[in-house]
C-alpha atoms as a PDB file:
ATOM      1  CA  UNK A   1     -14.684  -8.943  26.028  1.00  0.00           C
ATOM      2  CA  UNK A   2     -18.239  -8.891  24.716  1.00  0.00           C
ATOM      3  CA  UNK A   3     -18.738  -5.368  26.113  1.00  0.00           C
ATOM      4  CA  UNK A   4     -15.645  -4.205  24.615  1.00  0.00           C
ATOM      5  CA  UNK A   5     -16.683  -5.398  20.912  1.00  0.00           C
ATOM      6  CA  UNK A   6     -20.290  -4.011  21.579  1.00  0.00           C
ATOM      7  CA  UNK A   7     -18.702  -0.690  22.530  1.00  0.00           C
ATOM      8  CA  UNK A   8     -16.088  -0.696  19.572  1.00  0.00           C
ATOM      9  CA  UNK A   9     -19.128  -1.237  17.304  1.00  0.00           C
ATOM     10  CA  UNK A  10     -21.094   1.426  18.616  1.00  0.00           C
ATOM     11  CA  UNK A  11     -18.251   3.893  18.364  1.00  0.00           C
ATOM     12  CA  UNK A  12     -17.465   2.995  14.926  1.00  0.00           C
ATOM     13  CA  UNK A  13     -21.028   3.350  13.814  1.00  0.00           C
ATOM     14  CA  UNK A  14     -21.315   6.786  15.664  1.00  0.00           C
ATOM     15  CA  UNK A  15     -18.112   7.965  14.065  1.00  0.00           C
ATOM     16  CA  UNK A  16     -19.201   6.618  10.603  1.00  0.00           C
ATOM     17  CA  UNK A  17     -22.685   8.224  10.845  1.00  0.00           C
ATOM     18  CA  UNK A  18     -21.148  11.598  11.942  1.00  0.00           C
ATOM     19  CA  UNK A  19     -18.570  11.287   8.929  1.00  0.00           C
ATOM     20  CA  UNK A  20     -21.552  10.816   6.328  1.00  0.00           C
ATOM     21  CA  UNK A  21     -23.219  13.675   7.664  1.00  0.00           C
ATOM     22  CA  UNK A  22     -20.187  15.809   7.592  1.00  0.00           C
ATOM     23  CA  UNK A  23     -18.374  14.514   4.438  1.00  0.00           C
ATOM     24  CA  UNK A  24     -21.325  14.005   1.974  1.00  0.00           C
ATOM     25  CA  UNK A  25     -23.645  16.700   3.534  1.00  0.00           C
ATOM     26  CA  UNK A  26     -23.199  18.720   0.046  1.00  0.00           C
ATOM     27  CA  UNK A  27     -23.750  15.533  -2.218  1.00  0.00           C
ATOM     28  CA  UNK A  28     -27.119  14.789  -0.167  1.00  0.00           C
ATOM     29  CA  UNK A  29     -28.121  18.231  -0.587  1.00  0.00           C
ATOM     30  CA  UNK A  30     -27.259  17.880  -4.297  1.00  0.00           C
ATOM     31  CA  UNK A  31     -29.390  15.122  -4.534  1.00  0.00           C
ATOM     32  CA  UNK A  32     -32.419  16.636  -2.870  1.00  0.00           C
ATOM     33  CA  UNK A  33     -32.357  19.590  -5.033  1.00  0.00           C
ATOM     34  CA  UNK A  34     -31.913  17.397  -8.234  1.00  0.00           C
ATOM     35  CA  UNK A  35     -35.079  15.910  -7.331  1.00  0.00           C
ATOM     36  CA  UNK A  36     -36.826  19.188  -6.711  1.00  0.00           C
ATOM     37  CA  UNK A  37     -35.436  20.863  -9.728  1.00  0.00           C
ATOM     38  CA  UNK A  38     -34.684  17.955 -12.442  1.00  0.00           C
ATOM     39  CA  UNK A  39     -33.403  20.575 -14.887  1.00  0.00           C
ATOM     40  CA  UNK A  40     -30.268  21.341 -12.743  1.00  0.00           C
ATOM     41  CA  UNK A  41     -26.902  19.822 -13.807  1.00  0.00           C
ATOM     42  CA  UNK A  42     -26.021  16.532 -11.955  1.00  0.00           C
ATOM     43  CA  UNK A  43     -22.644  16.576 -10.520  1.00  0.00           C
ATOM     44  CA  UNK A  44     -20.079  14.228 -11.827  1.00  0.00           C
ATOM     45  CA  UNK A  45     -18.419  11.554  -9.737  1.00  0.00           C
ATOM     46  CA  UNK A  46     -15.120  13.106  -9.917  1.00  0.00           C
ATOM     47  CA  UNK A  47     -16.700  16.485  -8.519  1.00  0.00           C
ATOM     48  CA  UNK A  48     -18.442  14.416  -5.590  1.00  0.00           C
ATOM     49  CA  UNK A  49     -14.976  13.074  -4.494  1.00  0.00           C
ATOM     50  CA  UNK A  50     -13.238  16.356  -4.975  1.00  0.00           C
ATOM     51  CA  UNK A  51     -15.907  18.038  -2.547  1.00  0.00           C
ATOM     52  CA  UNK A  52     -15.189  15.172  -0.268  1.00  0.00           C
ATOM     53  CA  UNK A  53     -11.706  15.391   0.005  1.00  0.00           C
ATOM     54  CA  UNK A  54     -12.061  19.030   0.403  1.00  0.00           C
ATOM     55  CA  UNK A  55     -14.421  18.591   3.187  1.00  0.00           C
ATOM     56  CA  UNK A  56     -12.207  15.982   4.985  1.00  0.00           C
ATOM     57  CA  UNK A  57      -9.230  18.565   4.244  1.00  0.00           C
ATOM     58  CA  UNK A  58     -11.188  21.235   6.005  1.00  0.00           C
ATOM     59  CA  UNK A  59     -11.926  18.754   9.332  1.00  0.00           C
ATOM     60  CA  UNK A  60      -8.146  18.104   9.423  1.00  0.00           C
ATOM     61  CA  UNK A  61      -6.831  21.497   9.190  1.00  0.00           C
ATOM     62  CA  UNK A  62      -8.963  22.633  12.284  1.00  0.00           C
ATOM     63  CA  UNK A  63      -6.362  20.517  14.330  1.00  0.00           C
ATOM     64  CA  UNK A  64      -3.468  22.654  12.725  1.00  0.00           C
ATOM     65  CA  UNK A  65      -3.478  25.232  15.251  1.00  0.00           C
ATOM     66  CA  UNK A  66      -3.013  22.783  18.043  1.00  0.00           C
ATOM     67  CA  UNK A  67       0.473  21.627  16.912  1.00  0.00           C
ATOM     68  CA  UNK A  68       3.137  24.186  18.107  1.00  0.00           C
ATOM     69  CA  UNK A  69       5.727  24.932  15.343  1.00  0.00           C
ATOM     70  CA  UNK A  70       8.455  27.346  14.531  1.00  0.00           C
ATOM     71  CA  UNK A  71       9.200  29.301  11.084  1.00  0.00           C
ATOM     72  CA  UNK A  72      12.256  27.210  10.599  1.00  0.00           C
ATOM     73  CA  UNK A  73      10.388  24.096  11.076  1.00  0.00           C
ATOM     74  CA  UNK A  74       7.649  25.240   8.781  1.00  0.00           C
ATOM     75  CA  UNK A  75       9.954  25.968   5.927  1.00  0.00           C
ATOM     76  CA  UNK A  76      11.649  22.515   6.309  1.00  0.00           C
ATOM     77  CA  UNK A  77       8.144  20.819   6.057  1.00  0.00           C
ATOM     78  CA  UNK A  78       7.187  23.321   3.072  1.00  0.00           C
ATOM     79  CA  UNK A  79      10.291  22.146   1.296  1.00  0.00           C
ATOM     80  CA  UNK A  80       9.481  18.619   1.946  1.00  0.00           C
ATOM     81  CA  UNK A  81       5.894  18.927   0.861  1.00  0.00           C
ATOM     82  CA  UNK A  82       7.361  20.277  -2.259  1.00  0.00           C
ATOM     83  CA  UNK A  83       9.538  17.565  -3.164  1.00  0.00           C
ATOM     84  CA  UNK A  84       6.726  15.118  -2.336  1.00  0.00           C
ATOM     85  CA  UNK A  85       4.526  17.033  -5.046  1.00  0.00           C
ATOM     86  CA  UNK A  86       2.288  19.234  -2.741  1.00  0.00           C
ATOM     87  CA  UNK A  87       2.419  22.644  -3.491  1.00  0.00           C
ATOM     88  CA  UNK A  88      -0.489  24.040  -2.291  1.00  0.00           C
ATOM     89  CA  UNK A  89      -0.798  26.162   0.947  1.00  0.00           C
ATOM     90  CA  UNK A  90      -3.449  23.807   2.822  1.00  0.00           C
ATOM     91  CA  UNK A  91      -1.089  20.979   2.361  1.00  0.00           C
ATOM     92  CA  UNK A  92       1.055  22.218   5.366  1.00  0.00           C
ATOM     93  CA  UNK A  93      -1.949  22.916   7.348  1.00  0.00           C
ATOM     94  CA  UNK A  94      -3.221  19.442   6.786  1.00  0.00           C
ATOM     95  CA  UNK A  95      -0.101  17.678   7.577  1.00  0.00           C
ATOM     96  CA  UNK A  96       0.198  19.239  11.014  1.00  0.00           C
ATOM     97  CA  UNK A  97      -3.643  18.598  11.630  1.00  0.00           C
ATOM     98  CA  UNK A  98      -2.572  14.997  10.724  1.00  0.00           C
ATOM     99  CA  UNK A  99       0.157  14.912  13.450  1.00  0.00           C
ATOM    100  CA  UNK A 100      -2.466  15.575  15.998  1.00  0.00           C
ATOM    101  CA  UNK A 101      -5.520  13.815  14.658  1.00  0.00           C
ATOM    102  CA  UNK A 102      -3.534  10.241  13.812  1.00  0.00           C
ATOM    103  CA  UNK A 103      -2.165  10.134  17.492  1.00  0.00           C
ATOM    104  CA  UNK A 104      -5.846  10.730  18.937  1.00  0.00           C
ATOM    105  CA  UNK A 105      -7.336   8.223  16.861  1.00  0.00           C
ATOM    106  CA  UNK A 106      -4.966   5.494  17.632  1.00  0.00           C
ATOM    107  CA  UNK A 107      -5.406   6.281  21.269  1.00  0.00           C
ATOM    108  CA  UNK A 108      -9.016   6.045  20.809  1.00  0.00           C
ATOM    109  CA  UNK A 109      -8.648   2.749  19.133  1.00  0.00           C
ATOM    110  CA  UNK A 110      -6.340   1.264  21.941  1.00  0.00           C
ATOM    111  CA  UNK A 111      -8.737   2.332  24.236  1.00  0.00           C
ATOM    112  CA  UNK A 112     -11.881   0.843  22.726  1.00  0.00           C
ATOM    113  CA  UNK A 113     -10.031  -2.437  21.505  1.00  0.00           C
ATOM    114  CA  UNK A 114      -8.921  -3.038  24.920  1.00  0.00           C
ATOM    115  CA  UNK A 115      -5.273  -3.376  24.204  1.00  0.00           C
ATOM    116  CA  UNK A 116      -4.520  -0.977  26.928  1.00  0.00           C
ATOM    117  CA  UNK A 117      -5.116  -3.717  29.517  1.00  0.00           C
ATOM    118  CA  UNK A 118      -1.705  -5.577  28.436  1.00  0.00           C
ATOM    119  CA  UNK A 119       0.350  -2.643  29.267  1.00  0.00           C
ATOM    120  CA  UNK A 120      -1.210   0.507  29.392  1.00  0.00           C
ATOM    121  CA  UNK A 121       1.760   3.015  29.462  1.00  0.00           C
ATOM    122  CA  UNK A 122       3.848   1.332  26.947  1.00  0.00           C
ATOM    123  CA  UNK A 123       0.896   0.643  24.583  1.00  0.00           C
ATOM    124  CA  UNK A 124      -0.436   4.469  24.751  1.00  0.00           C
ATOM    125  CA  UNK A 125       3.099   5.641  24.339  1.00  0.00           C
ATOM    126  CA  UNK A 126       3.562   3.518  21.323  1.00  0.00           C
ATOM    127  CA  UNK A 127       0.072   4.782  19.826  1.00  0.00           C
ATOM    128  CA  UNK A 128       0.909   8.409  20.427  1.00  0.00           C
ATOM    129  CA  UNK A 129       4.575   8.360  19.526  1.00  0.00           C
ATOM    130  CA  UNK A 130       3.637   6.161  16.314  1.00  0.00           C
ATOM    131  CA  UNK A 131       0.670   8.354  15.248  1.00  0.00           C
ATOM    132  CA  UNK A 132       2.931  11.304  15.819  1.00  0.00           C
ATOM    133  CA  UNK A 133       5.682  10.099  13.474  1.00  0.00           C
ATOM    134  CA  UNK A 134       3.626   8.410  11.028  1.00  0.00           C
ATOM    135  CA  UNK A 135       2.911  11.444   9.020  1.00  0.00           C
ATOM    136  CA  UNK A 136       6.694  11.949   8.653  1.00  0.00           C
ATOM    137  CA  UNK A 137       7.182   8.482   7.489  1.00  0.00           C
ATOM    138  CA  UNK A 138       4.396   8.781   5.083  1.00  0.00           C
ATOM    139  CA  UNK A 139       5.862  12.209   3.630  1.00  0.00           C
ATOM    140  CA  UNK A 140       9.405  10.456   3.496  1.00  0.00           C
ATOM    141  CA  UNK A 141       8.016   7.659   1.426  1.00  0.00           C
ATOM    142  CA  UNK A 142       6.130   9.727  -0.869  1.00  0.00           C
ATOM    143  CA  UNK A 143       9.364  11.898  -1.515  1.00  0.00           C
ATOM    144  CA  UNK A 144      11.454   8.887  -2.058  1.00  0.00           C
ATOM    145  CA  UNK A 145       8.926   7.475  -4.574  1.00  0.00           C
ATOM    146  CA  UNK A 146       8.544  10.682  -6.472  1.00  0.00           C
ATOM    147  CA  UNK A 147      12.314  11.229  -6.542  1.00  0.00           C
ATOM    148  CA  UNK A 148      12.468   7.585  -7.846  1.00  0.00           C
ATOM    149  CA  UNK A 149       9.951   8.489 -10.486  1.00  0.00           C
ATOM    150  CA  UNK A 150      11.924  11.703 -11.756  1.00  0.00           C
ATOM    151  CA  UNK A 151      15.167   9.790 -12.050  1.00  0.00           C
ATOM    152  CA  UNK A 152      13.508   7.182 -14.015  1.00  0.00           C
ATOM    153  CA  UNK A 153      11.883   9.298 -16.337  1.00  0.00           C
ATOM    154  CA  UNK A 154      14.661  11.954 -17.065  1.00  0.00           C
ATOM    155  CA  UNK A 155      16.471   9.768 -19.877  1.00  0.00           C
ATOM    156  CA  UNK A 156      13.269   9.830 -21.762  1.00  0.00           C
ATOM    157  CA  UNK A 157      12.761  13.552 -21.466  1.00  0.00           C
ATOM    158  CA  UNK A 158      16.460  14.343 -22.417  1.00  0.00           C
ATOM    159  CA  UNK A 159      15.607  12.319 -25.569  1.00  0.00           C
ATOM    160  CA  UNK A 160      12.872  14.302 -26.521  1.00  0.00           C
ATOM    161  CA  UNK A 161      14.535  17.440 -25.886  1.00  0.00           C
ATOM    162  CA  UNK A 162      17.264  16.374 -28.148  1.00  0.00           C
ATOM    163  CA  UNK A 163      14.855  15.693 -30.930  1.00  0.00           C
ATOM    164  CA  UNK A 164      12.925  18.970 -30.418  1.00  0.00           C
ATOM    165  CA  UNK A 165      16.188  21.068 -30.634  1.00  0.00           C
ATOM    166  CA  UNK A 166      17.394  19.057 -33.484  1.00  0.00           C
ATOM    167  CA  UNK A 167      14.094  19.967 -35.323  1.00  0.00           C
ATOM    168  CA  UNK A 168      14.721  23.496 -34.819  1.00  0.00           C
ATOM    169  CA  UNK A 169      13.276  24.442 -31.502  1.00  0.00           C
ATOM    170  CA  UNK A 170      14.953  26.470 -28.954  1.00  0.00           C
ATOM    171  CA  UNK A 171      15.700  24.976 -25.443  1.00  0.00           C
ATOM    172  CA  UNK A 172      12.583  26.919 -23.819  1.00  0.00           C
ATOM    173  CA  UNK A 173      10.190  25.666 -26.603  1.00  0.00           C
ATOM    174  CA  UNK A 174      11.602  22.429 -26.469  1.00  0.00           C
ATOM    175  CA  UNK A 175      10.984  21.985 -22.649  1.00  0.00           C
ATOM    176  CA  UNK A 176       7.276  23.230 -23.234  1.00  0.00           C
ATOM    177  CA  UNK A 177       6.775  20.518 -25.896  1.00  0.00           C
ATOM    178  CA  UNK A 178       8.399  17.809 -24.049  1.00  0.00           C
ATOM    179  CA  UNK A 179       6.270  18.835 -20.795  1.00  0.00           C
ATOM    180  CA  UNK A 180       3.109  18.598 -23.033  1.00  0.00           C
ATOM    181  CA  UNK A 181       3.905  15.458 -24.905  1.00  0.00           C
ATOM    182  CA  UNK A 182       4.921  13.383 -22.112  1.00  0.00           C
ATOM    183  CA  UNK A 183       2.307  14.427 -19.764  1.00  0.00           C
ATOM    184  CA  UNK A 184       0.626  10.978 -19.528  1.00  0.00           C
ATOM    185  CA  UNK A 185       3.691   8.859 -19.237  1.00  0.00           C
ATOM    186  CA  UNK A 186       6.128  10.878 -17.053  1.00  0.00           C
ATOM    187  CA  UNK A 187       3.596  13.252 -14.910  1.00  0.00           C
ATOM    188  CA  UNK A 188       5.910  14.124 -12.285  1.00  0.00           C
ATOM    189  CA  UNK A 189       9.029  15.339 -14.214  1.00  0.00           C
ATOM    190  CA  UNK A 190       6.544  16.997 -16.871  1.00  0.00           C
ATOM    191  CA  UNK A 191       5.079  18.921 -13.934  1.00  0.00           C
ATOM    192  CA  UNK A 192       8.328  20.222 -12.668  1.00  0.00           C
ATOM    193  CA  UNK A 193       9.033  21.287 -16.418  1.00  0.00           C
ATOM    194  CA  UNK A 194       5.652  23.068 -16.640  1.00  0.00           C
ATOM    195  CA  UNK A 195       6.870  25.073 -13.406  1.00  0.00           C
ATOM    196  CA  UNK A 196      10.298  25.788 -15.342  1.00  0.00           C
ATOM    197  CA  UNK A 197       8.244  27.221 -18.235  1.00  0.00           C
ATOM    198  CA  UNK A 198       5.931  29.419 -16.298  1.00  0.00           C
ATOM    199  CA  UNK A 199       8.985  31.092 -14.465  1.00  0.00           C
ATOM    200  CA  UNK A 200      10.753  31.795 -17.633  1.00  0.00           C
ATOM    201  CA  UNK A 201       7.588  33.187 -19.022  1.00  0.00           C
ATOM    202  CA  UNK A 202       7.223  35.341 -15.632  1.00  0.00           C
ATOM    203  CA  UNK A 203      10.749  36.701 -16.777  1.00  0.00           C
ATOM    204  CA  UNK A 204      13.071  34.565 -14.461  1.00  0.00           C
ATOM    205  CA  UNK A 205      16.330  33.610 -16.138  1.00  0.00           C
ATOM    206  CA  UNK A 206      16.770  30.246 -17.588  1.00  0.00           C
ATOM    207  CA  UNK A 207      19.398  28.958 -15.352  1.00  0.00           C
ATOM    208  CA  UNK A 208      17.615  30.325 -12.244  1.00  0.00           C
ATOM    209  CA  UNK A 209      14.433  28.347 -13.268  1.00  0.00           C
ATOM    210  CA  UNK A 210      16.436  25.011 -13.741  1.00  0.00           C
ATOM    211  CA  UNK A 211      18.352  25.629 -10.499  1.00  0.00           C
ATOM    212  CA  UNK A 212      14.986  26.064  -8.704  1.00  0.00           C
ATOM    213  CA  UNK A 213      13.675  22.798 -10.246  1.00  0.00           C
ATOM    214  CA  UNK A 214      16.770  20.936  -9.007  1.00  0.00           C
ATOM    215  CA  UNK A 215      16.340  22.328  -5.701  1.00  0.00           C
ATOM    216  CA  UNK A 216      12.510  21.387  -5.681  1.00  0.00           C
ATOM    217  CA  UNK A 217      13.011  17.920  -6.205  1.00  0.00           C
ATOM    218  CA  UNK A 218      16.413  17.283  -4.616  1.00  0.00           C
ATOM    219  CA  UNK A 219      17.310  14.672  -7.131  1.00  0.00           C
ATOM    220  CA  UNK A 220      21.259  14.229  -7.900  1.00  0.00           C
ATOM    221  CA  UNK A 221      20.782  13.750 -11.683  1.00  0.00           C
ATOM    222  CA  UNK A 222      18.777  16.813 -11.973  1.00  0.00           C
ATOM    223  CA  UNK A 223      21.268  18.804 -10.203  1.00  0.00           C
ATOM    224  CA  UNK A 224      24.095  17.366 -12.595  1.00  0.00           C
ATOM    225  CA  UNK A 225      21.823  18.270 -15.597  1.00  0.00           C
ATOM    226  CA  UNK A 226      21.481  21.977 -14.238  1.00  0.00           C
ATOM    227  CA  UNK A 227      25.146  22.199 -13.680  1.00  0.00           C
ATOM    228  CA  UNK A 228      25.905  20.970 -17.131  1.00  0.00           C
ATOM    229  CA  UNK A 229      22.992  23.226 -18.715  1.00  0.00           C
ATOM    230  CA  UNK A 230      24.639  26.306 -16.872  1.00  0.00           C
ATOM    231  CA  UNK A 231      28.241  25.467 -18.230  1.00  0.00           C
ATOM    232  CA  UNK A 232      27.218  24.644 -21.778  1.00  0.00           C
ATOM    233  CA  UNK A 233      25.372  28.119 -21.730  1.00  0.00           C
ATOM    234  CA  UNK A 234      28.478  29.888 -20.390  1.00  0.00           C
ATOM    235  CA  UNK A 235      30.927  28.182 -22.798  1.00  0.00           C
ATOM    236  CA  UNK A 236      28.658  28.494 -25.670  1.00  0.00           C
ATOM    237  CA  UNK A 237      28.776  24.668 -26.705  1.00  0.00           C
ATOM    238  CA  UNK A 238      26.090  22.378 -28.152  1.00  0.00           C
ATOM    239  CA  UNK A 239      23.186  21.890 -25.941  1.00  0.00           C
ATOM    240  CA  UNK A 240      21.652  19.099 -27.791  1.00  0.00           C
ATOM    241  CA  UNK A 241      25.012  17.071 -27.740  1.00  0.00           C
ATOM    242  CA  UNK A 242      25.311  17.670 -23.976  1.00  0.00           C
ATOM    243  CA  UNK A 243      21.611  16.363 -23.542  1.00  0.00           C
ATOM    244  CA  UNK A 244      22.368  13.274 -25.464  1.00  0.00           C
ATOM    245  CA  UNK A 245      25.612  12.431 -23.637  1.00  0.00           C
ATOM    246  CA  UNK A 246      23.847  13.018 -20.275  1.00  0.00           C
ATOM    247  CA  UNK A 247      20.995  10.688 -21.173  1.00  0.00           C
ATOM    248  CA  UNK A 248      23.382   7.772 -22.235  1.00  0.00           C
ATOM    249  CA  UNK A 249      25.267   8.574 -18.827  1.00  0.00           C
ATOM    250  CA  UNK A 250      22.101   8.052 -16.829  1.00  0.00           C
ATOM    251  CA  UNK A 251      20.888   4.886 -18.769  1.00  0.00           C
ATOM    252  CA  UNK A 252      24.604   3.351 -17.860  1.00  0.00           C
ATOM    253  CA  UNK A 253      24.220   4.348 -14.411  1.00  0.00           C
ATOM    254  CA  UNK A 254      20.891   2.523 -14.351  1.00  0.00           C
ATOM    255  CA  UNK A 255      22.225  -0.402 -15.528  1.00  0.00           C
ATOM    256  CA  UNK A 256      25.233  -0.137 -13.363  1.00  0.00           C
ATOM    257  CA  UNK A 257      22.757   0.169 -10.413  1.00  0.00           C
ATOM    258  CA  UNK A 258      20.653  -2.873 -11.537  1.00  0.00           C
ATOM    259  CA  UNK A 259      23.920  -4.820 -11.895  1.00  0.00           C
ATOM    260  CA  UNK A 260      24.854  -3.928  -8.270  1.00  0.00           C
ATOM    261  CA  UNK A 261      21.609  -4.746  -6.818  1.00  0.00           C
ATOM    262  CA  UNK A 262      22.060  -8.109  -8.525  1.00  0.00           C
ATOM    263  CA  UNK A 263      25.436  -8.472  -7.159  1.00  0.00           C
ATOM    264  CA  UNK A 264      24.160  -7.904  -3.609  1.00  0.00           C
ATOM    265  CA  UNK A 265      21.613 -10.718  -3.825  1.00  0.00           C
ATOM    266  CA  UNK A 266      23.794 -13.505  -2.992  1.00  0.00           C
ATOM    267  CA  UNK A 267      25.025 -11.560  -0.069  1.00  0.00           C
ATOM    268  CA  UNK A 268      21.381 -11.163   1.299  1.00  0.00           C
ATOM    269  CA  UNK A 269      20.341 -14.682   0.845  1.00  0.00           C
ATOM    270  CA  UNK A 270      23.042 -15.744   3.109  1.00  0.00           C
ATOM    271  CA  UNK A 271      20.731 -14.924   6.239  1.00  0.00           C
ATOM    272  CA  UNK A 272      17.600 -16.712   4.972  1.00  0.00           C
ATOM    273  CA  UNK A 273      19.676 -19.731   3.837  1.00  0.00           C
ATOM    274  CA  UNK A 274      21.433 -19.914   7.368  1.00  0.00           C
ATOM    275  CA  UNK A 275      18.158 -19.515   9.434  1.00  0.00           C
ATOM    276  CA  UNK A 276      15.415 -21.280   7.441  1.00  0.00           C
ATOM    277  CA  UNK A 277      17.072 -23.615   4.883  1.00  0.00           C
ATOM    278  CA  UNK A 278      20.199 -25.178   6.517  1.00  0.00           C
ATOM    279  CA  UNK A 279      18.383 -26.364   9.697  1.00  0.00           C
ATOM    280  CA  UNK A 280      15.614 -27.970   7.731  1.00  0.00           C
ATOM    281  CA  UNK A 281      18.347 -29.670   5.670  1.00  0.00           C
ATOM    282  CA  UNK A 282      20.114 -30.823   8.598  1.00  0.00           C
ATOM    283  CA  UNK A 283      17.000 -32.086  10.255  1.00  0.00           C
ATOM    284  CA  UNK A 284      16.230 -34.041   7.090  1.00  0.00           C
ATOM    285  CA  UNK A 285      19.503 -35.445   6.145  1.00  0.00           C
ATOM    286  CA  UNK A 286      20.886 -36.188  10.161  1.00  0.00           C
ATOM    287  CA  UNK A 287      17.347 -36.914  11.625  1.00  0.00           C
ATOM    288  CA  UNK A 288      17.199 -40.664  10.527  1.00  0.00           C
ATOM    289  CA  UNK A 289      20.768 -41.159  11.187  1.00  0.00           C
ATOM    290  CA  UNK A 290      20.390 -39.921  14.772  1.00  0.00           C
ATOM    291  CA  UNK A 291      17.342 -41.953  15.410  1.00  0.00           C
ATOM    292  CA  UNK A 292      19.451 -45.324  14.284  1.00  0.00           C
ATOM    293  CA  UNK A 293      22.117 -44.173  16.438  1.00  0.00           C
ATOM    294  CA  UNK A 294      19.859 -43.454  19.527  1.00  0.00           C
ATOM    295  CA  UNK A 295      18.327 -47.135  18.770  1.00  0.00           C
ATOM    296  CA  UNK A 296      21.755 -48.637  18.664  1.00  0.00           C
ATOM    297  CA  UNK A 297      22.852 -47.180  21.766  1.00  0.00           C
ATOM    298  CA  UNK A 298      19.673 -48.044  23.653  1.00  0.00           C
ATOM    299  CA  UNK A 299      19.838 -51.634  22.386  1.00  0.00           C
ATOM    300  CA  UNK A 300      23.641 -51.560  23.471  1.00  0.00           C
ATOM    301  CA  UNK A 301      22.674 -50.479  26.934  1.00  0.00           C
ATOM    302  CA  UNK A 302      20.232 -53.320  27.308  1.00  0.00           C
END
């Protein structure tokens, strides 16, 4: 056991030293050049972290070619990465590199810590399988979290769109102004609106740009909004009135969803009550009576 701990510490120190040499090499060179040439502008902390992240990404991307993949699978992963908010082309390479690097890392940890001695086959299968599926689970969590943020911020965006349009702006101008004003409070949906504005400036039709946003995000409320926008544009009705009605509908749906979750709470509490609270109550209430009865029967038997 002592040998395994010492081996784990040695491997950890070795990996940490290699990581420092690989990831902080540019920062170290920058400090040396700063000492040699004091006039050179010192890098900010944000730039240092950006360079470190790019270095880690370059290391992970080297494992990307080891993963067999088809064009259809790549397109699906690209769509999922876009829904998670990662539009960079290197994101797919880093994703496939993680699907190779994470299982190898877990297998090394299992071998170093000695967990494989319990059940070698099953432990390595769990480590490799869990490491291979971990990036998919992480990506799914990111997509779900981003979709929730988009759904939560949509009513505020619609309210500001209505205010801008009632002030005299067109829908395109209102979209650009809304994306600019709500950049700090609702960054996810403002990012999507910026893409819509850029596509419209590039010459794409308004309806097509909004449909692309609904396809990118995969949010049902955005799909309904795009359908209503297309119908409003076709029939020539008031867009501001439609946006106000849709915003009120989303808020009512949010309240109904919260009420539904509150109604399910009583049902969900049944299982912990039965498994944890009721046995303790039975033990406290019936325990003394059982002791008294046991003593009474023992005295009668004598």
